[in-house]
Amino acid sequence: RNFGHACGTAQDGDALRYARNARATWAHLADKAGFWYGRTGT
């Protein structure tokens, strides 16, 4: 029910670390699971 937006840059602390580390996994899963993904920025 969300925007589908991984807004990592706007975070800080633990959230920023988690968000940065999550990016590679999103790209990997998009490739393997076959869903649309874009490093589109904000």
ModelCIF file with pLDDT and N, C-alpha, C, O atoms, coordinates in Angstrom:
data_MODEL
#
_entry.id   MODEL 
#
_entity.id                         1 
_entity.type                       polymer 
_entity.pdbx_number_of_molecules   1 
#
_entity_poly.entity_id                      1 
_entity_poly.type                           'polypeptide(L)' 
_entity_poly.nstd_linkage                   no 
_entity_poly.nstd_monomer                   no 
_entity_poly.pdbx_seq_one_letter_code       RNFGHACGTAQDGDALRYARNARATWAHLADKAGFWYGRTGT 
_entity_poly.pdbx_seq_one_letter_code_can   RNFGHACGTAQDGDALRYARNARATWAHLADKAGFWYGRTGT 
_entity_poly.pdbx_strand_id                 A 
#
loop_
_entity_poly_seq.entity_id 
_entity_poly_seq.num 
_entity_poly_seq.mon_id 
_entity_poly_seq.hetero 
1 1  ARG n 
1 2  ASN n 
1 3  PHE n 
1 4  GLY n 
1 5  HIS n 
1 6  ALA n 
1 7  CYS n 
1 8  GLY n 
1 9  THR n 
1 10 ALA n 
1 11 GLN n 
1 12 ASP n 
1 13 GLY n 
1 14 ASP n 
1 15 ALA n 
1 16 LEU n 
1 17 ARG n 
1 18 TYR n 
1 19 ALA n 
1 20 ARG n 
1 21 ASN n 
1 22 ALA n 
1 23 ARG n 
1 24 ALA n 
1 25 THR n 
1 26 TRP n 
1 27 ALA n 
1 28 HIS n 
1 29 LEU n 
1 30 ALA n 
1 31 ASP n 
1 32 LYS n 
1 33 ALA n 
1 34 GLY n 
1 35 PHE n 
1 36 TRP n 
1 37 TYR n 
1 38 GLY n 
1 39 ARG n 
1 40 THR n 
1 41 GLY n 
1 42 THR n 
#
_struct_asym.id          A 
_struct_asym.entity_id   1 
#
loop_
_ma_qa_metric.id 
_ma_qa_metric.mode 
_ma_qa_metric.name 
_ma_qa_metric.software_group_id 
_ma_qa_metric.type 
1 global pLDDT . pLDDT 
2 local  pLDDT . pLDDT 
#
_ma_qa_metric_global.metric_id      1 
_ma_qa_metric_global.metric_value   97.29 
_ma_qa_metric_global.model_id       1 
_ma_qa_metric_global.ordinal_id     1 
#
loop_
_ma_qa_metric_local.label_asym_id 
_ma_qa_metric_local.label_comp_id 
_ma_qa_metric_local.label_seq_id 
_ma_qa_metric_local.metric_id 
_ma_qa_metric_local.metric_value 
_ma_qa_metric_local.model_id 
_ma_qa_metric_local.ordinal_id 
A ARG 1  2 96.00 1 1  
A ASN 2  2 96.00 1 2  
A PHE 3  2 97.00 1 3  
A GLY 4  2 97.00 1 4  
A HIS 5  2 97.00 1 5  
A ALA 6  2 96.00 1 6  
A CYS 7  2 96.00 1 7  
A GLY 8  2 97.00 1 8  
A THR 9  2 98.00 1 9  
A ALA 10 2 98.00 1 10 
A GLN 11 2 98.00 1 11 
A ASP 12 2 98.00 1 12 
A GLY 13 2 97.00 1 13 
A ASP 14 2 98.00 1 14 
A ALA 15 2 98.00 1 15 
A LEU 16 2 98.00 1 16 
A ARG 17 2 98.00 1 17 
A TYR 18 2 98.00 1 18 
A ALA 19 2 98.00 1 19 
A ARG 20 2 97.00 1 20 
A ASN 21 2 98.00 1 21 
A ALA 22 2 98.00 1 22 
A ARG 23 2 97.00 1 23 
A ALA 24 2 97.00 1 24 
A THR 25 2 98.00 1 25 
A TRP 26 2 98.00 1 26 
A ALA 27 2 97.00 1 27 
A HIS 28 2 98.00 1 28 
A LEU 29 2 98.00 1 29 
A ALA 30 2 98.00 1 30 
A ASP 31 2 97.00 1 31 
A LYS 32 2 98.00 1 32 
A ALA 33 2 98.00 1 33 
A GLY 34 2 97.00 1 34 
A PHE 35 2 97.00 1 35 
A TRP 36 2 97.00 1 36 
A TYR 37 2 96.00 1 37 
A GLY 38 2 95.00 1 38 
A ARG 39 2 95.00 1 39 
A THR 40 2 97.00 1 40 
A GLY 41 2 98.00 1 41 
A THR 42 2 98.00 1 42 
#
loop_
_atom_site.group_PDB 
_atom_site.id 
_atom_site.type_symbol 
_atom_site.label_atom_id 
_atom_site.label_alt_id 
_atom_site.label_comp_id 
_atom_site.label_asym_id 
_atom_site.label_entity_id 
_atom_site.label_seq_id 
_atom_site.pdbx_PDB_ins_code 
_atom_site.Cartn_x 
_atom_site.Cartn_y 
_atom_site.Cartn_z 
_atom_site.occupancy 
_atom_site.B_iso_or_equiv 
_atom_site.pdbx_formal_charge 
_atom_site.auth_seq_id 
_atom_site.auth_comp_id 
_atom_site.auth_asym_id 
_atom_site.auth_atom_id 
_atom_site.pdbx_PDB_model_num 
ATOM 1   N N  . ARG A 1 1  ? 0.814  -1.222  0.000   1.00 96.00 ? 1  ARG A N  1 
ATOM 2   C CA . ARG A 1 1  ? 0.000  0.000   0.000   1.00 96.00 ? 1  ARG A CA 1 
ATOM 3   C C  . ARG A 1 1  ? 0.844  1.268   0.000   1.00 96.00 ? 1  ARG A C  1 
ATOM 4   O O  . ARG A 1 1  ? 0.323  2.345   0.289   1.00 96.00 ? 1  ARG A O  1 
ATOM 5   N N  . ASN A 1 2  ? 2.102  1.172   -0.308  1.00 96.00 ? 2  ASN A N  1 
ATOM 6   C CA . ASN A 1 2  ? 3.007  2.310   -0.173  1.00 96.00 ? 2  ASN A CA 1 
ATOM 7   C C  . ASN A 1 2  ? 3.396  2.891   -1.534  1.00 96.00 ? 2  ASN A C  1 
ATOM 8   O O  . ASN A 1 2  ? 2.830  2.520   -2.562  1.00 96.00 ? 2  ASN A O  1 
ATOM 9   N N  . PHE A 1 3  ? 4.358  3.796   -1.525  1.00 97.00 ? 3  PHE A N  1 
ATOM 10  C CA . PHE A 1 3  ? 4.813  4.464   -2.746  1.00 97.00 ? 3  PHE A CA 1 
ATOM 11  C C  . PHE A 1 3  ? 5.798  3.630   -3.556  1.00 97.00 ? 3  PHE A C  1 
ATOM 12  O O  . PHE A 1 3  ? 6.121  3.991   -4.687  1.00 97.00 ? 3  PHE A O  1 
ATOM 13  N N  . GLY A 1 4  ? 6.284  2.515   -2.997  1.00 97.00 ? 4  GLY A N  1 
ATOM 14  C CA . GLY A 1 4  ? 7.321  1.761   -3.689  1.00 97.00 ? 4  GLY A CA 1 
ATOM 15  C C  . GLY A 1 4  ? 8.620  2.529   -3.778  1.00 97.00 ? 4  GLY A C  1 
ATOM 16  O O  . GLY A 1 4  ? 9.354  2.419   -4.760  1.00 97.00 ? 4  GLY A O  1 
ATOM 17  N N  . HIS A 1 5  ? 8.901  3.312   -2.743  1.00 97.00 ? 5  HIS A N  1 
ATOM 18  C CA . HIS A 1 5  ? 10.020 4.258   -2.766  1.00 97.00 ? 5  HIS A CA 1 
ATOM 19  C C  . HIS A 1 5  ? 10.986 3.913   -1.640  1.00 97.00 ? 5  HIS A C  1 
ATOM 20  O O  . HIS A 1 5  ? 10.632 4.038   -0.468  1.00 97.00 ? 5  HIS A O  1 
ATOM 21  N N  . ALA A 1 6  ? 12.186 3.486   -1.969  1.00 96.00 ? 6  ALA A N  1 
ATOM 22  C CA . ALA A 1 6  ? 13.229 3.268   -0.980  1.00 96.00 ? 6  ALA A CA 1 
ATOM 23  C C  . ALA A 1 6  ? 14.015 4.561   -0.836  1.00 96.00 ? 6  ALA A C  1 
ATOM 24  O O  . ALA A 1 6  ? 14.980 4.813   -1.557  1.00 96.00 ? 6  ALA A O  1 
ATOM 25  N N  . CYS A 1 7  ? 13.574 5.368   0.112   1.00 96.00 ? 7  CYS A N  1 
ATOM 26  C CA . CYS A 1 7  ? 14.105 6.736   0.256   1.00 96.00 ? 7  CYS A CA 1 
ATOM 27  C C  . CYS A 1 7  ? 15.273 6.745   1.236   1.00 96.00 ? 7  CYS A C  1 
ATOM 28  O O  . CYS A 1 7  ? 15.213 7.396   2.279   1.00 96.00 ? 7  CYS A O  1 
ATOM 29  N N  . GLY A 1 8  ? 16.325 6.027   0.897   1.00 97.00 ? 8  GLY A N  1 
ATOM 30  C CA . GLY A 1 8  ? 17.416 5.847   1.826   1.00 97.00 ? 8  GLY A CA 1 
ATOM 31  C C  . GLY A 1 8  ? 18.210 7.093   2.155   1.00 97.00 ? 8  GLY A C  1 
ATOM 32  O O  . GLY A 1 8  ? 18.642 7.262   3.295   1.00 97.00 ? 8  GLY A O  1 
ATOM 33  N N  . THR A 1 9  ? 18.411 7.964   1.190   1.00 98.00 ? 9  THR A N  1 
ATOM 34  C CA . THR A 1 9  ? 19.284 9.116   1.393   1.00 98.00 ? 9  THR A CA 1 
ATOM 35  C C  . THR A 1 9  ? 18.784 10.014  2.518   1.00 98.00 ? 9  THR A C  1 
ATOM 36  O O  . THR A 1 9  ? 19.590 10.625  3.220   1.00 98.00 ? 9  THR A O  1 
ATOM 37  N N  . ALA A 1 10 ? 17.483 10.104  2.699   1.00 98.00 ? 10 ALA A N  1 
ATOM 38  C CA . ALA A 1 10 ? 16.902 11.013  3.682   1.00 98.00 ? 10 ALA A CA 1 
ATOM 39  C C  . ALA A 1 10 ? 16.937 10.466  5.105   1.00 98.00 ? 10 ALA A C  1 
ATOM 40  O O  . ALA A 1 10 ? 16.438 11.118  6.022   1.00 98.00 ? 10 ALA A O  1 
ATOM 41  N N  . GLN A 1 11 ? 17.514 9.286   5.309   1.00 98.00 ? 11 GLN A N  1 
ATOM 42  C CA . GLN A 1 11 ? 17.563 8.699   6.647   1.00 98.00 ? 11 GLN A CA 1 
ATOM 43  C C  . GLN A 1 11 ? 18.847 9.092   7.363   1.00 98.00 ? 11 GLN A C  1 
ATOM 44  O O  . GLN A 1 11 ? 19.737 9.711   6.781   1.00 98.00 ? 11 GLN A O  1 
ATOM 45  N N  . ASP A 1 12 ? 18.926 8.721   8.637   1.00 98.00 ? 12 ASP A N  1 
ATOM 46  C CA . ASP A 1 12 ? 20.174 8.861   9.373   1.00 98.00 ? 12 ASP A CA 1 
ATOM 47  C C  . ASP A 1 12 ? 20.332 7.689   10.321  1.00 98.00 ? 12 ASP A C  1 
ATOM 48  O O  . ASP A 1 12 ? 19.420 6.873   10.453  1.00 98.00 ? 12 ASP A O  1 
ATOM 49  N N  . GLY A 1 13 ? 21.472 7.591   10.981  1.00 97.00 ? 13 GLY A N  1 
ATOM 50  C CA . GLY A 1 13 ? 21.703 6.572   11.990  1.00 97.00 ? 13 GLY A CA 1 
ATOM 51  C C  . GLY A 1 13 ? 21.551 5.160   11.452  1.00 97.00 ? 13 GLY A C  1 
ATOM 52  O O  . GLY A 1 13 ? 21.990 4.857   10.342  1.00 97.00 ? 13 GLY A O  1 
ATOM 53  N N  . ASP A 1 14 ? 20.919 4.287   12.255  1.00 98.00 ? 14 ASP A N  1 
ATOM 54  C CA . ASP A 1 14 ? 20.716 2.898   11.848  1.00 98.00 ? 14 ASP A CA 1 
ATOM 55  C C  . ASP A 1 14 ? 19.939 2.815   10.545  1.00 98.00 ? 14 ASP A C  1 
ATOM 56  O O  . ASP A 1 14 ? 20.253 1.989   9.688   1.00 98.00 ? 14 ASP A O  1 
ATOM 57  N N  . ALA A 1 15 ? 18.929 3.660   10.388  1.00 98.00 ? 15 ALA A N  1 
ATOM 58  C CA . ALA A 1 15 ? 18.095 3.602   9.183   1.00 98.00 ? 15 ALA A CA 1 
ATOM 59  C C  . ALA A 1 15 ? 18.912 3.875   7.929   1.00 98.00 ? 15 ALA A C  1 
ATOM 60  O O  . ALA A 1 15 ? 18.699 3.235   6.899   1.00 98.00 ? 15 ALA A O  1 
ATOM 61  N N  . LEU A 1 16 ? 19.830 4.805   8.006   1.00 98.00 ? 16 LEU A N  1 
ATOM 62  C CA . LEU A 1 16 ? 20.677 5.111   6.848   1.00 98.00 ? 16 LEU A CA 1 
ATOM 63  C C  . LEU A 1 16 ? 21.586 3.924   6.524   1.00 98.00 ? 16 LEU A C  1 
ATOM 64  O O  . LEU A 1 16 ? 21.775 3.580   5.357   1.00 98.00 ? 16 LEU A O  1 
ATOM 65  N N  . ARG A 1 17 ? 22.141 3.310   7.549   1.00 98.00 ? 17 ARG A N  1 
ATOM 66  C CA . ARG A 1 17 ? 22.996 2.151   7.325   1.00 98.00 ? 17 ARG A CA 1 
ATOM 67  C C  . ARG A 1 17 ? 22.196 0.997   6.711   1.00 98.00 ? 17 ARG A C  1 
ATOM 68  O O  . ARG A 1 17 ? 22.637 0.383   5.740   1.00 98.00 ? 17 ARG A O  1 
ATOM 69  N N  . TYR A 1 18 ? 21.036 0.709   7.269   1.00 98.00 ? 18 TYR A N  1 
ATOM 70  C CA . TYR A 1 18 ? 20.201 -0.350  6.722   1.00 98.00 ? 18 TYR A CA 1 
ATOM 71  C C  . TYR A 1 18 ? 19.837 -0.055  5.265   1.00 98.00 ? 18 TYR A C  1 
ATOM 72  O O  . TYR A 1 18 ? 19.893 -0.939  4.410   1.00 98.00 ? 18 TYR A O  1 
ATOM 73  N N  . ALA A 1 19 ? 19.465 1.196   4.994   1.00 98.00 ? 19 ALA A N  1 
ATOM 74  C CA . ALA A 1 19 ? 19.028 1.563   3.643   1.00 98.00 ? 19 ALA A CA 1 
ATOM 75  C C  . ALA A 1 19 ? 20.156 1.400   2.640   1.00 98.00 ? 19 ALA A C  1 
ATOM 76  O O  . ALA A 1 19 ? 19.944 0.875   1.547   1.00 98.00 ? 19 ALA A O  1 
ATOM 77  N N  . ARG A 1 20 ? 21.339 1.840   2.997   1.00 97.00 ? 20 ARG A N  1 
ATOM 78  C CA . ARG A 1 20 ? 22.476 1.697   2.076   1.00 97.00 ? 20 ARG A CA 1 
ATOM 79  C C  . ARG A 1 20 ? 22.776 0.228   1.804   1.00 97.00 ? 20 ARG A C  1 
ATOM 80  O O  . ARG A 1 20 ? 23.067 -0.155  0.670   1.00 97.00 ? 20 ARG A O  1 
ATOM 81  N N  . ASN A 1 21 ? 22.703 -0.591  2.852   1.00 98.00 ? 21 ASN A N  1 
ATOM 82  C CA . ASN A 1 21 ? 23.002 -2.008  2.687   1.00 98.00 ? 21 ASN A CA 1 
ATOM 83  C C  . ASN A 1 21 ? 21.899 -2.746  1.937   1.00 98.00 ? 21 ASN A C  1 
ATOM 84  O O  . ASN A 1 21 ? 22.141 -3.809  1.365   1.00 98.00 ? 21 ASN A O  1 
ATOM 85  N N  . ALA A 1 22 ? 20.706 -2.195  1.938   1.00 98.00 ? 22 ALA A N  1 
ATOM 86  C CA . ALA A 1 22 ? 19.575 -2.857  1.281   1.00 98.00 ? 22 ALA A CA 1 
ATOM 87  C C  . ALA A 1 22 ? 19.602 -2.707  -0.236  1.00 98.00 ? 22 ALA A C  1 
ATOM 88  O O  . ALA A 1 22 ? 18.994 -3.513  -0.939  1.00 98.00 ? 22 ALA A O  1 
ATOM 89  N N  . ARG A 1 23 ? 20.285 -1.706  -0.749  1.00 97.00 ? 23 ARG A N  1 
ATOM 90  C CA . ARG A 1 23 ? 20.194 -1.398  -2.179  1.00 97.00 ? 23 ARG A CA 1 
ATOM 91  C C  . ARG A 1 23 ? 20.644 -2.557  -3.058  1.00 97.00 ? 23 ARG A C  1 
ATOM 92  O O  . ARG A 1 23 ? 19.989 -2.872  -4.052  1.00 97.00 ? 23 ARG A O  1 
ATOM 93  N N  . ALA A 1 24 ? 21.735 -3.181  -2.709  1.00 97.00 ? 24 ALA A N  1 
ATOM 94  C CA . ALA A 1 24 ? 22.237 -4.285  -3.528  1.00 97.00 ? 24 ALA A CA 1 
ATOM 95  C C  . ALA A 1 24 ? 21.267 -5.459  -3.510  1.00 97.00 ? 24 ALA A C  1 
ATOM 96  O O  . ALA A 1 24 ? 21.110 -6.150  -4.517  1.00 97.00 ? 24 ALA A O  1 
ATOM 97  N N  . THR A 1 25 ? 20.620 -5.687  -2.379  1.00 98.00 ? 25 THR A N  1 
ATOM 98  C CA . THR A 1 25 ? 19.673 -6.800  -2.293  1.00 98.00 ? 25 THR A CA 1 
ATOM 99  C C  . THR A 1 25 ? 18.449 -6.535  -3.145  1.00 98.00 ? 25 THR A C  1 
ATOM 100 O O  . THR A 1 25 ? 17.941 -7.451  -3.791  1.00 98.00 ? 25 THR A O  1 
ATOM 101 N N  . TRP A 1 26 ? 17.964 -5.300  -3.162  1.00 98.00 ? 26 TRP A N  1 
ATOM 102 C CA . TRP A 1 26 ? 16.833 -4.964  -4.032  1.00 98.00 ? 26 TRP A CA 1 
ATOM 103 C C  . TRP A 1 26 ? 17.179 -5.246  -5.488  1.00 98.00 ? 26 TRP A C  1 
ATOM 104 O O  . TRP A 1 26 ? 16.373 -5.826  -6.215  1.00 98.00 ? 26 TRP A O  1 
ATOM 105 N N  . ALA A 1 27 ? 18.363 -4.842  -5.915  1.00 97.00 ? 27 ALA A N  1 
ATOM 106 C CA . ALA A 1 27 ? 18.763 -5.073  -7.302  1.00 97.00 ? 27 ALA A CA 1 
ATOM 107 C C  . ALA A 1 27 ? 18.872 -6.567  -7.590  1.00 97.00 ? 27 ALA A C  1 
ATOM 108 O O  . ALA A 1 27 ? 18.437 -7.032  -8.644  1.00 97.00 ? 27 ALA A O  1 
ATOM 109 N N  . HIS A 1 28 ? 19.446 -7.309  -6.665  1.00 98.00 ? 28 HIS A N  1 
ATOM 110 C CA . HIS A 1 28 ? 19.604 -8.759  -6.836  1.00 98.00 ? 28 HIS A CA 1 
ATOM 111 C C  . HIS A 1 28 ? 18.241 -9.439  -6.934  1.00 98.00 ? 28 HIS A C  1 
ATOM 112 O O  . HIS A 1 28 ? 18.022 -10.265 -7.820  1.00 98.00 ? 28 HIS A O  1 
ATOM 113 N N  . LEU A 1 29 ? 17.330 -9.099  -6.032  1.00 98.00 ? 29 LEU A N  1 
ATOM 114 C CA . LEU A 1 29 ? 16.024 -9.757  -6.029  1.00 98.00 ? 29 LEU A CA 1 
ATOM 115 C C  . LEU A 1 29 ? 15.188 -9.364  -7.241  1.00 98.00 ? 29 LEU A C  1 
ATOM 116 O O  . LEU A 1 29 ? 14.444 -10.189 -7.772  1.00 98.00 ? 29 LEU A O  1 
ATOM 117 N N  . ALA A 1 30 ? 15.300 -8.127  -7.681  1.00 98.00 ? 30 ALA A N  1 
ATOM 118 C CA . ALA A 1 30 ? 14.573 -7.722  -8.880  1.00 98.00 ? 30 ALA A CA 1 
ATOM 119 C C  . ALA A 1 30 ? 14.992 -8.566  -10.069 1.00 98.00 ? 30 ALA A C  1 
ATOM 120 O O  . ALA A 1 30 ? 14.164 -8.963  -10.889 1.00 98.00 ? 30 ALA A O  1 
ATOM 121 N N  . ASP A 1 31 ? 16.290 -8.837  -10.151 1.00 97.00 ? 31 ASP A N  1 
ATOM 122 C CA . ASP A 1 31 ? 16.801 -9.662  -11.243 1.00 97.00 ? 31 ASP A CA 1 
ATOM 123 C C  . ASP A 1 31 ? 16.332 -11.110 -11.112 1.00 97.00 ? 31 ASP A C  1 
ATOM 124 O O  . ASP A 1 31 ? 15.890 -11.708 -12.093 1.00 97.00 ? 31 ASP A O  1 
ATOM 125 N N  . LYS A 1 32 ? 16.425 -11.671 -9.921  1.00 98.00 ? 32 LYS A N  1 
ATOM 126 C CA . LYS A 1 32 ? 16.099 -13.081 -9.724  1.00 98.00 ? 32 LYS A CA 1 
ATOM 127 C C  . LYS A 1 32 ? 14.593 -13.333 -9.680  1.00 98.00 ? 32 LYS A C  1 
ATOM 128 O O  . LYS A 1 32 ? 14.117 -14.340 -10.206 1.00 98.00 ? 32 LYS A O  1 
ATOM 129 N N  . ALA A 1 33 ? 13.840 -12.423 -9.055  1.00 98.00 ? 33 ALA A N  1 
ATOM 130 C CA . ALA A 1 33 ? 12.399 -12.640 -8.890  1.00 98.00 ? 33 ALA A CA 1 
ATOM 131 C C  . ALA A 1 33 ? 11.587 -12.043 -10.036 1.00 98.00 ? 33 ALA A C  1 
ATOM 132 O O  . ALA A 1 33 ? 10.417 -12.386 -10.210 1.00 98.00 ? 33 ALA A O  1 
ATOM 133 N N  . GLY A 1 34 ? 12.197 -11.152 -10.817 1.00 97.00 ? 34 GLY A N  1 
ATOM 134 C CA . GLY A 1 34 ? 11.544 -10.658 -12.022 1.00 97.00 ? 34 GLY A CA 1 
ATOM 135 C C  . GLY A 1 34 ? 10.506 -9.574  -11.816 1.00 97.00 ? 34 GLY A C  1 
ATOM 136 O O  . GLY A 1 34 ? 9.472  -9.577  -12.484 1.00 97.00 ? 34 GLY A O  1 
ATOM 137 N N  . PHE A 1 35 ? 10.760 -8.643  -10.900 1.00 97.00 ? 35 PHE A N  1 
ATOM 138 C CA . PHE A 1 35 ? 9.854  -7.501  -10.762 1.00 97.00 ? 35 PHE A CA 1 
ATOM 139 C C  . PHE A 1 35 ? 10.565 -6.218  -11.180 1.00 97.00 ? 35 PHE A C  1 
ATOM 140 O O  . PHE A 1 35 ? 11.794 -6.150  -11.212 1.00 97.00 ? 35 PHE A O  1 
ATOM 141 N N  . TRP A 1 36 ? 9.757  -5.198  -11.502 1.00 97.00 ? 36 TRP A N  1 
ATOM 142 C CA . TRP A 1 36 ? 10.317 -3.927  -11.963 1.00 97.00 ? 36 TRP A CA 1 
ATOM 143 C C  . TRP A 1 36 ? 11.041 -3.223  -10.816 1.00 97.00 ? 36 TRP A C  1 
ATOM 144 O O  . TRP A 1 36 ? 10.572 -3.181  -9.678  1.00 97.00 ? 36 TRP A O  1 
ATOM 145 N N  . TYR A 1 37 ? 12.206 -2.672  -11.168 1.00 96.00 ? 37 TYR A N  1 
ATOM 146 C CA . TYR A 1 37 ? 13.057 -1.988  -10.193 1.00 96.00 ? 37 TYR A CA 1 
ATOM 147 C C  . TYR A 1 37 ? 13.802 -0.893  -10.930 1.00 96.00 ? 37 TYR A C  1 
ATOM 148 O O  . TYR A 1 37 ? 14.214 -1.083  -12.074 1.00 96.00 ? 37 TYR A O  1 
ATOM 149 N N  . GLY A 1 38 ? 13.980 0.243   -10.292 1.00 95.00 ? 38 GLY A N  1 
ATOM 150 C CA . GLY A 1 38 ? 14.759 1.308   -10.914 1.00 95.00 ? 38 GLY A CA 1 
ATOM 151 C C  . GLY A 1 38 ? 15.516 2.123   -9.885  1.00 95.00 ? 38 GLY A C  1 
ATOM 152 O O  . GLY A 1 38 ? 14.975 2.492   -8.843  1.00 95.00 ? 38 GLY A O  1 
ATOM 153 N N  . ARG A 1 39 ? 16.773 2.401   -10.190 1.00 95.00 ? 39 ARG A N  1 
ATOM 154 C CA . ARG A 1 39 ? 17.538 3.345   -9.361  1.00 95.00 ? 39 ARG A CA 1 
ATOM 155 C C  . ARG A 1 39 ? 17.248 4.733   -9.931  1.00 95.00 ? 39 ARG A C  1 
ATOM 156 O O  . ARG A 1 39 ? 18.090 5.344   -10.589 1.00 95.00 ? 39 ARG A O  1 
ATOM 157 N N  . THR A 1 40 ? 16.067 5.197   -9.666  1.00 97.00 ? 40 THR A N  1 
ATOM 158 C CA . THR A 1 40 ? 15.521 6.391   -10.311 1.00 97.00 ? 40 THR A CA 1 
ATOM 159 C C  . THR A 1 40 ? 15.868 7.679   -9.576  1.00 97.00 ? 40 THR A C  1 
ATOM 160 O O  . THR A 1 40 ? 15.799 8.763   -10.154 1.00 97.00 ? 40 THR A O  1 
ATOM 161 N N  . GLY A 1 41 ? 16.236 7.565   -8.314  1.00 98.00 ? 41 GLY A N  1 
ATOM 162 C CA . GLY A 1 41 ? 16.496 8.752   -7.527  1.00 98.00 ? 41 GLY A CA 1 
ATOM 163 C C  . GLY A 1 41 ? 15.212 9.448   -7.086  1.00 98.00 ? 41 GLY A C  1 
ATOM 164 O O  . GLY A 1 41 ? 14.103 9.020   -7.406  1.00 98.00 ? 41 GLY A O  1 
ATOM 165 N N  . THR A 1 42 ? 15.403 10.528  -6.346  1.00 98.00 ? 42 THR A N  1 
ATOM 166 C CA . THR A 1 42 ? 14.299 11.354  -5.846  1.00 98.00 ? 42 THR A CA 1 
ATOM 167 C C  . THR A 1 42 ? 14.573 12.803  -6.200  1.00 98.00 ? 42 THR A C  1 
ATOM 168 O O  . THR A 1 42 ? 13.772 13.680  -5.876  1.00 98.00 ? 42 THR A O  1 
#
